[in-house]
Amino acid sequence: MMIKVMVTMPPDLLEAIDKAARKLKLNRSQFVRQALREMLERLQQEEFEALLAEGYQEMAEENPAVAEEGLDAQTAATKEVWR
């Protein structure tokens, strides 16, 4: 089910959206939905990485060697999960 919403934006932004949507062969609504989903995913990724970093910081205070190994693993894992 789709719900209609009204969004206010400056004309230059609307023109850029329409141009990009045409280039991608999407209608305006499809383009906006896709852009919003991508931004939400990016925010989720940033929150996840912040939680991991916080956990590794706590580990570093307790055991620096384990934390260093964890950071390397985090870097490799997030590159695979969030690309």
N, C-alpha and C. Protein backbone atom coordinates (compact mmCIF):
# COMPACT_ATOMS: atom_id res chain seq x y z
N MET A 1 0.84 -1.18 0.00
CA MET A 1 0.00 0.00 0.00
C MET A 1 0.89 1.25 0.00
N MET A 2 0.52 2.19 -0.80
CA MET A 2 1.25 3.45 -0.87
C MET A 2 0.41 4.56 -0.24
N ILE A 3 1.09 5.45 0.46
CA ILE A 3 0.43 6.61 1.05
C ILE A 3 1.01 7.85 0.39
N LYS A 4 0.15 8.74 -0.06
CA LYS A 4 0.61 9.98 -0.69
C LYS A 4 1.03 10.97 0.39
N VAL A 5 2.13 11.66 0.13
CA VAL A 5 2.61 12.72 1.01
C VAL A 5 2.91 13.95 0.17
N MET A 6 2.86 15.09 0.81
CA MET A 6 3.19 16.33 0.13
C MET A 6 4.52 16.82 0.69
N VAL A 7 5.45 17.14 -0.19
CA VAL A 7 6.78 17.61 0.21
C VAL A 7 7.03 18.95 -0.47
N THR A 8 7.52 19.89 0.29
CA THR A 8 7.84 21.20 -0.25
C THR A 8 9.34 21.29 -0.49
N MET A 9 9.73 21.78 -1.66
CA MET A 9 11.15 21.90 -1.98
C MET A 9 11.37 23.04 -2.95
N PRO A 10 12.58 23.55 -3.00
CA PRO A 10 12.88 24.63 -3.94
C PRO A 10 12.86 24.12 -5.38
N PRO A 11 12.54 25.00 -6.32
CA PRO A 11 12.44 24.60 -7.73
C PRO A 11 13.71 23.96 -8.29
N ASP A 12 14.88 24.46 -7.89
CA ASP A 12 16.12 23.89 -8.44
C ASP A 12 16.33 22.45 -7.99
N LEU A 13 15.92 22.12 -6.77
CA LEU A 13 16.03 20.74 -6.31
C LEU A 13 15.07 19.84 -7.07
N LEU A 14 13.86 20.30 -7.29
CA LEU A 14 12.88 19.52 -8.05
C LEU A 14 13.37 19.28 -9.47
N GLU A 15 13.95 20.28 -10.09
CA GLU A 15 14.50 20.11 -11.44
C GLU A 15 15.62 19.08 -11.45
N ALA A 16 16.49 19.12 -10.45
CA ALA A 16 17.59 18.15 -10.37
C ALA A 16 17.05 16.74 -10.16
N ILE A 17 16.02 16.60 -9.34
CA ILE A 17 15.40 15.29 -9.11
C ILE A 17 14.80 14.76 -10.40
N ASP A 18 14.05 15.61 -11.09
CA ASP A 18 13.42 15.18 -12.34
C ASP A 18 14.46 14.79 -13.38
N LYS A 19 15.52 15.55 -13.47
CA LYS A 19 16.58 15.24 -14.44
C LYS A 19 17.24 13.89 -14.11
N ALA A 20 17.55 13.69 -12.83
CA ALA A 20 18.18 12.43 -12.41
C ALA A 20 17.22 11.26 -12.62
N ALA A 21 15.94 11.46 -12.32
CA ALA A 21 14.96 10.39 -12.49
C ALA A 21 14.85 9.98 -13.96
N ARG A 22 14.82 10.98 -14.85
CA ARG A 22 14.76 10.66 -16.29
C ARG A 22 15.99 9.87 -16.71
N LYS A 23 17.14 10.29 -16.23
CA LYS A 23 18.40 9.61 -16.57
C LYS A 23 18.36 8.14 -16.14
N LEU A 24 17.76 7.89 -14.97
CA LEU A 24 17.68 6.52 -14.44
C LEU A 24 16.43 5.78 -14.91
N LYS A 25 15.62 6.46 -15.74
CA LYS A 25 14.38 5.88 -16.26
C LYS A 25 13.42 5.50 -15.12
N LEU A 26 13.31 6.41 -14.16
CA LEU A 26 12.38 6.26 -13.04
C LEU A 26 11.43 7.44 -13.06
N ASN A 27 10.26 7.26 -12.47
CA ASN A 27 9.42 8.44 -12.30
C ASN A 27 9.87 9.15 -11.02
N ARG A 28 9.34 10.33 -10.79
CA ARG A 28 9.78 11.14 -9.65
C ARG A 28 9.57 10.40 -8.33
N SER A 29 8.42 9.78 -8.15
CA SER A 29 8.14 9.07 -6.90
C SER A 29 9.11 7.91 -6.68
N GLN A 30 9.38 7.16 -7.74
CA GLN A 30 10.33 6.04 -7.62
C GLN A 30 11.71 6.56 -7.21
N PHE A 31 12.13 7.64 -7.85
CA PHE A 31 13.44 8.19 -7.55
C PHE A 31 13.53 8.65 -6.10
N VAL A 32 12.52 9.36 -5.64
CA VAL A 32 12.52 9.87 -4.27
C VAL A 32 12.50 8.72 -3.27
N ARG A 33 11.66 7.70 -3.52
CA ARG A 33 11.64 6.54 -2.62
C ARG A 33 13.00 5.87 -2.55
N GLN A 34 13.63 5.68 -3.70
CA GLN A 34 14.94 5.03 -3.74
C GLN A 34 15.98 5.87 -3.00
N ALA A 35 15.97 7.18 -3.23
CA ALA A 35 16.93 8.06 -2.57
C ALA A 35 16.74 8.04 -1.05
N LEU A 36 15.50 8.05 -0.60
CA LEU A 36 15.24 8.02 0.84
C LEU A 36 15.66 6.69 1.45
N ARG A 37 15.39 5.58 0.74
CA ARG A 37 15.83 4.27 1.25
C ARG A 37 17.36 4.22 1.39
N GLU A 38 18.06 4.74 0.38
CA GLU A 38 19.52 4.73 0.43
C GLU A 38 20.04 5.57 1.59
N MET A 39 19.42 6.72 1.83
CA MET A 39 19.84 7.56 2.95
C MET A 39 19.57 6.87 4.28
N LEU A 40 18.42 6.23 4.41
CA LEU A 40 18.11 5.50 5.64
C LEU A 40 19.08 4.35 5.86
N GLU A 41 19.44 3.64 4.80
CA GLU A 41 20.42 2.56 4.93
C GLU A 41 21.78 3.11 5.36
N ARG A 42 22.17 4.27 4.80
CA ARG A 42 23.43 4.89 5.17
C ARG A 42 23.44 5.28 6.65
N LEU A 43 22.33 5.85 7.11
CA LEU A 43 22.22 6.20 8.53
C LEU A 43 22.30 4.96 9.42
N GLN A 44 21.63 3.89 9.00
CA GLN A 44 21.67 2.64 9.76
C GLN A 44 23.10 2.10 9.81
N GLN A 45 23.80 2.18 8.70
CA GLN A 45 25.18 1.72 8.64
C GLN A 45 26.06 2.54 9.58
N GLU A 46 25.88 3.86 9.57
CA GLU A 46 26.68 4.72 10.43
C GLU A 46 26.41 4.43 11.90
N GLU A 47 25.13 4.19 12.25
CA GLU A 47 24.79 3.85 13.64
C GLU A 47 25.43 2.53 14.04
N PHE A 48 25.38 1.55 13.15
CA PHE A 48 25.98 0.24 13.42
C PHE A 48 27.48 0.36 13.62
N GLU A 49 28.14 1.10 12.74
CA GLU A 49 29.58 1.27 12.86
C GLU A 49 29.96 2.04 14.12
N ALA A 50 29.13 3.00 14.52
CA ALA A 50 29.39 3.74 15.75
C ALA A 50 29.29 2.82 16.97
N LEU A 51 28.29 1.93 16.96
CA LEU A 51 28.16 0.97 18.06
C LEU A 51 29.37 0.03 18.12
N LEU A 52 29.81 -0.43 16.96
CA LEU A 52 30.98 -1.30 16.93
C LEU A 52 32.22 -0.56 17.45
N ALA A 53 32.40 0.67 17.00
CA ALA A 53 33.55 1.45 17.45
C ALA A 53 33.51 1.67 18.95
N GLU A 54 32.32 1.93 19.48
CA GLU A 54 32.18 2.12 20.93
C GLU A 54 32.56 0.84 21.67
N GLY A 55 32.11 -0.29 21.15
CA GLY A 55 32.45 -1.56 21.78
C GLY A 55 33.95 -1.83 21.73
N TYR A 56 34.57 -1.53 20.60
CA TYR A 56 36.02 -1.76 20.49
C TYR A 56 36.79 -0.79 21.37
N GLN A 57 36.26 0.41 21.56
CA GLN A 57 36.92 1.36 22.46
C GLN A 57 36.91 0.83 23.88
N GLU A 58 35.77 0.29 24.28
CA GLU A 58 35.67 -0.30 25.62
C GLU A 58 36.62 -1.49 25.75
N MET A 59 36.70 -2.31 24.69
CA MET A 59 37.61 -3.45 24.71
C MET A 59 39.06 -2.99 24.79
N ALA A 60 39.37 -1.90 24.11
CA ALA A 60 40.75 -1.40 24.08
C ALA A 60 41.20 -1.01 25.47
N GLU A 61 40.28 -0.50 26.25
CA GLU A 61 40.63 -0.13 27.61
C GLU A 61 40.93 -1.36 28.46
N GLU A 62 40.27 -2.47 28.14
CA GLU A 62 40.46 -3.71 28.89
C GLU A 62 41.61 -4.55 28.34
N ASN A 63 41.69 -4.67 27.01
CA ASN A 63 42.71 -5.51 26.41
C ASN A 63 43.05 -4.96 25.02
N PRO A 64 44.11 -4.18 24.91
CA PRO A 64 44.46 -3.54 23.63
C PRO A 64 44.68 -4.52 22.48
N ALA A 65 45.27 -5.67 22.71
CA ALA A 65 45.55 -6.61 21.63
C ALA A 65 44.25 -7.15 21.02
N VAL A 66 43.28 -7.48 21.85
CA VAL A 66 42.01 -8.01 21.37
C VAL A 66 41.26 -6.93 20.59
N ALA A 67 41.31 -5.70 21.06
CA ALA A 67 40.63 -4.60 20.39
C ALA A 67 41.21 -4.35 19.00
N GLU A 68 42.53 -4.44 18.88
CA GLU A 68 43.17 -4.22 17.58
C GLU A 68 42.73 -5.28 16.58
N GLU A 69 42.67 -6.53 17.01
CA GLU A 69 42.19 -7.60 16.14
C GLU A 69 40.73 -7.37 15.75
N GLY A 70 39.93 -6.91 16.69
CA GLY A 70 38.52 -6.64 16.43
C GLY A 70 38.32 -5.53 15.43
N LEU A 71 39.12 -4.48 15.50
CA LEU A 71 39.01 -3.38 14.55
C LEU A 71 39.31 -3.84 13.13
N ASP A 72 40.33 -4.69 12.98
CA ASP A 72 40.65 -5.23 11.66
C ASP A 72 39.49 -6.06 11.12
N ALA A 73 38.90 -6.87 11.97
CA ALA A 73 37.77 -7.70 11.57
C ALA A 73 36.57 -6.83 11.23
N GLN A 74 36.33 -5.78 12.01
CA GLN A 74 35.21 -4.87 11.75
C GLN A 74 35.36 -4.22 10.39
N THR A 75 36.54 -3.75 10.09
CA THR A 75 36.78 -3.08 8.81
C THR A 75 36.48 -4.02 7.65
N ALA A 76 36.97 -5.25 7.73
CA ALA A 76 36.73 -6.22 6.66
C ALA A 76 35.26 -6.57 6.55
N ALA A 77 34.60 -6.77 7.68
CA ALA A 77 33.19 -7.17 7.67
C ALA A 77 32.29 -6.07 7.15
N THR A 78 32.51 -4.85 7.57
CA THR A 78 31.62 -3.77 7.13
C THR A 78 31.79 -3.46 5.65
N LYS A 79 32.97 -3.68 5.13
CA LYS A 79 33.16 -3.48 3.69
C LYS A 79 32.33 -4.47 2.89
N GLU A 80 32.20 -5.69 3.40
CA GLU A 80 31.43 -6.72 2.70
C GLU A 80 29.93 -6.52 2.90
N VAL A 81 29.52 -6.18 4.12
CA VAL A 81 28.10 -6.07 4.42
C VAL A 81 27.48 -4.83 3.82
N TRP A 82 28.19 -3.72 3.83
CA TRP A 82 27.59 -2.42 3.48
C TRP A 82 28.02 -1.87 2.13
N ARG A 83 28.46 -2.68 1.22
CA ARG A 83 28.84 -2.10 -0.06
C ARG A 83 27.71 -1.92 -0.97
